[in-house]
Amino acid sequence: MSGRDLINILIFTALTIGLGLFPPVDVPLIGVPITAQTLGVMLSGLVLGSWRGALSQMLMVGLVMAGAPLLAGGRGGFDILLSPTGGFLLGWIPGAFVAGWLTEHRPSGWMRHLSAAVVGGVGLVYLIGVPWMVMVSGVPAQTAISGSATFIPGDLIKAVMAAALALTVVHARPRCLVPGR
């Protein structure tokens, strides 16, 4: 891993942290807030690629687990894993990886970025977060699924924003990206 890789990983960790400055919006019934931080998850995968994107989110999750109050609303600590939010947070790592992998392995263009953001940054994060919520909080599965549906419009908007921003970065700073793009 080069120094440039390390700097880019740190930049996207910092971006995800910065997006936590937007206040969370609590969703009744399920105990998981709507935040802007998943935009950072999507962007890290789309711009940095699979491994570097996942490493940026692994660093973020590690800092939160160590107690740093970096999640929206100033939350942090290992006890996050024992909350309904824990699975969504852990899903950031594979979510960034999958978004990056899809971006690396599909033909270039707008749809590559958008579909990668939706599949990795939304779909995979939900696939991990919703069952975790059911397991940890005891919320019925149907309530968890319907409650999580309130996130979908905002997450789709974030996916469109992530795709547009990633394409802008691809054109403006191609050297910071995954080789071969």
Protein backbone atom coordinates (compact mmCIF):
# COMPACT_ATOMS: atom_id res chain seq x y z
CA MET A 1 0.00 0.00 0.00
CA SER A 2 1.39 3.36 -0.99
CA GLY A 3 1.43 6.60 0.94
CA ARG A 4 -1.17 7.93 -1.51
CA ASP A 5 -3.45 4.98 -0.66
CA LEU A 6 -3.10 5.68 3.06
CA ILE A 7 -3.88 9.38 2.58
CA ASN A 8 -6.95 8.57 0.48
CA ILE A 9 -8.19 6.08 3.08
CA LEU A 10 -7.78 8.72 5.80
CA ILE A 11 -9.55 11.34 3.67
CA PHE A 12 -12.59 9.13 3.17
CA THR A 13 -12.65 8.17 6.85
CA ALA A 14 -12.62 11.90 7.64
CA LEU A 15 -15.37 12.50 5.07
CA THR A 16 -17.57 9.89 6.75
CA ILE A 17 -16.83 11.47 10.12
CA GLY A 18 -17.68 14.93 8.76
CA LEU A 19 -21.01 13.69 7.42
CA GLY A 20 -21.83 12.76 11.01
CA LEU A 21 -22.02 16.46 11.83
CA PHE A 22 -25.44 16.56 10.19
CA PRO A 23 -27.90 15.80 13.00
CA PRO A 24 -29.57 12.38 12.90
CA VAL A 25 -33.31 12.05 12.31
CA ASP A 26 -34.83 9.44 14.61
CA VAL A 27 -37.16 6.86 13.08
CA PRO A 28 -39.96 5.79 15.43
CA LEU A 29 -40.44 2.10 16.23
CA ILE A 30 -37.01 0.83 15.18
CA GLY A 31 -34.43 2.95 17.06
CA VAL A 32 -32.16 3.55 14.06
CA PRO A 33 -31.62 7.15 12.94
CA ILE A 34 -31.38 8.48 9.40
CA THR A 35 -27.91 9.96 8.91
CA ALA A 36 -25.81 11.37 6.09
CA GLN A 37 -22.90 9.08 6.89
CA THR A 38 -23.91 6.32 4.49
CA LEU A 39 -23.05 8.79 1.72
CA GLY A 40 -19.45 8.48 2.92
CA VAL A 41 -19.71 4.69 2.78
CA MET A 42 -20.91 4.81 -0.83
CA LEU A 43 -18.31 7.38 -1.89
CA SER A 44 -15.43 5.49 -0.30
CA GLY A 45 -16.23 2.38 -2.32
CA LEU A 46 -17.00 4.21 -5.57
CA VAL A 47 -13.90 6.39 -5.50
CA LEU A 48 -11.31 4.27 -3.69
CA GLY A 49 -12.36 0.82 -4.87
CA SER A 50 -13.07 -2.32 -2.91
CA TRP A 51 -10.16 -2.75 -0.51
CA ARG A 52 -9.29 0.89 0.14
CA GLY A 53 -12.98 1.79 0.51
CA ALA A 54 -13.48 -1.05 3.00
CA LEU A 55 -10.34 -0.03 4.90
CA SER A 56 -11.61 3.54 5.24
CA GLN A 57 -14.84 2.25 6.77
CA MET A 58 -13.01 -0.31 8.90
CA LEU A 59 -11.01 2.55 10.40
CA MET A 60 -14.23 4.50 10.97
CA VAL A 61 -15.95 1.56 12.68
CA GLY A 62 -12.83 0.84 14.73
CA LEU A 63 -12.68 4.43 15.97
CA VAL A 64 -16.37 4.32 16.91
CA MET A 65 -15.95 0.97 18.71
CA ALA A 66 -12.97 2.44 20.60
CA GLY A 67 -15.30 5.10 21.97
CA ALA A 68 -14.79 8.06 19.65
CA PRO A 69 -18.13 9.91 19.36
CA LEU A 70 -18.04 10.03 15.55
CA LEU A 71 -21.51 8.85 14.64
CA ALA A 72 -24.26 11.36 13.94
CA GLY A 73 -25.49 12.79 17.21
CA GLY A 74 -22.10 12.27 18.87
CA ARG A 75 -22.54 8.57 19.50
CA GLY A 76 -19.69 6.13 19.88
CA GLY A 77 -18.50 3.19 21.95
CA PHE A 78 -18.61 -0.57 21.83
CA ASP A 79 -22.19 -0.58 23.12
CA ILE A 80 -23.30 0.62 19.67
CA LEU A 81 -23.00 -3.04 18.62
CA LEU A 82 -25.62 -3.95 21.20
CA SER A 83 -28.07 -1.41 19.79
CA PRO A 84 -30.33 -1.67 16.73
CA THR A 85 -27.78 0.51 14.88
CA GLY A 86 -24.93 -1.99 15.28
CA GLY A 87 -25.61 -4.10 12.21
CA PHE A 88 -25.96 -1.07 9.96
CA LEU A 89 -22.63 0.24 11.26
CA LEU A 90 -20.88 -3.09 10.69
CA GLY A 91 -22.49 -3.24 7.25
CA TRP A 92 -20.54 -0.14 6.22
CA ILE A 93 -17.37 -2.21 5.75
CA PRO A 94 -18.70 -4.83 3.31
CA GLY A 95 -20.99 -2.18 1.81
CA ALA A 96 -18.01 -0.05 0.80
CA PHE A 97 -16.16 -3.15 -0.40
CA VAL A 98 -19.01 -4.32 -2.64
CA ALA A 99 -19.64 -0.82 -4.01
CA GLY A 100 -15.95 -0.63 -4.89
CA TRP A 101 -15.80 -4.12 -6.33
CA LEU A 102 -18.78 -3.48 -8.57
CA THR A 103 -17.24 -0.22 -9.72
CA GLU A 104 -13.97 -2.00 -10.52
CA HIS A 105 -15.58 -4.86 -12.44
CA ARG A 106 -18.32 -3.26 -14.53
CA PRO A 107 -18.23 -1.14 -17.67
CA SER A 108 -17.67 2.55 -16.97
CA GLY A 109 -20.42 5.09 -16.87
CA TRP A 110 -23.15 6.58 -14.77
CA MET A 111 -25.07 3.32 -14.26
CA ARG A 112 -21.94 1.54 -13.01
CA HIS A 113 -21.57 4.05 -10.20
CA LEU A 114 -25.27 4.30 -9.40
CA SER A 115 -25.88 0.55 -9.31
CA ALA A 116 -22.73 -0.02 -7.23
CA ALA A 117 -23.86 2.60 -4.71
CA VAL A 118 -27.34 1.07 -4.47
CA VAL A 119 -26.20 -2.57 -4.22
CA GLY A 120 -23.26 -2.03 -1.85
CA GLY A 121 -24.10 1.16 0.01
CA VAL A 122 -27.80 0.49 0.43
CA GLY A 123 -28.69 -3.15 -0.23
CA LEU A 124 -25.82 -4.85 1.59
CA VAL A 125 -25.98 -2.46 4.52
CA TYR A 126 -29.70 -3.24 4.93
CA LEU A 127 -29.06 -6.98 4.46
CA ILE A 128 -26.81 -6.89 7.52
CA GLY A 129 -28.54 -4.13 9.50
CA VAL A 130 -32.16 -5.28 9.45
CA PRO A 131 -31.59 -8.84 10.77
CA TRP A 132 -29.18 -7.42 13.36
CA MET A 133 -31.90 -5.00 14.49
CA VAL A 134 -34.37 -7.86 14.86
CA MET A 135 -31.85 -9.97 16.79
CA VAL A 136 -30.66 -7.23 19.15
CA SER A 137 -33.86 -5.30 19.81
CA GLY A 138 -36.49 -8.02 19.56
CA VAL A 139 -38.48 -5.90 17.11
CA PRO A 140 -40.63 -8.17 14.91
CA ALA A 141 -39.10 -8.73 11.48
CA GLN A 142 -42.05 -7.12 9.70
CA THR A 143 -41.72 -3.99 11.86
CA ALA A 144 -37.97 -3.84 11.19
CA ILE A 145 -38.52 -4.20 7.45
CA SER A 146 -41.32 -1.65 7.23
CA GLY A 147 -39.49 0.76 9.56
CA SER A 148 -36.33 0.46 7.46
CA ALA A 149 -38.35 1.26 4.33
CA THR A 150 -38.45 4.87 5.55
CA PHE A 151 -34.71 5.02 4.80
CA ILE A 152 -35.04 4.01 1.14
CA PRO A 153 -35.94 7.38 -0.45
CA GLY A 154 -33.10 9.17 1.33
CA ASP A 155 -30.64 6.38 0.60
CA LEU A 156 -31.54 6.44 -3.09
CA ILE A 157 -30.96 10.20 -3.13
CA LYS A 158 -27.58 9.61 -1.46
CA ALA A 159 -26.77 6.94 -4.07
CA VAL A 160 -27.49 9.40 -6.90
CA MET A 161 -25.35 12.02 -5.15
CA ALA A 162 -22.54 9.50 -4.60
CA ALA A 163 -22.58 8.43 -8.26
CA ALA A 164 -22.49 12.04 -9.45
CA LEU A 165 -19.71 12.99 -7.03
CA ALA A 166 -17.68 9.88 -7.87
CA LEU A 167 -17.91 10.62 -11.59
CA THR A 168 -16.77 14.18 -10.91
CA VAL A 169 -13.76 12.90 -8.97
CA VAL A 170 -12.98 10.36 -11.72
CA HIS A 171 -12.67 13.20 -14.20
CA ALA A 172 -10.99 15.72 -11.89
CA ARG A 173 -8.51 13.51 -10.00
CA PRO A 174 -8.09 10.18 -11.79
CA ARG A 175 -4.71 9.46 -10.15
CA CYS A 176 -6.28 9.03 -6.70
CA LEU A 177 -8.52 6.26 -7.96
CA VAL A 178 -8.31 2.55 -8.45
CA PRO A 179 -5.74 1.66 -11.13
CA GLY A 180 -7.25 1.06 -14.54
CA ARG A 181 -10.12 3.54 -14.28
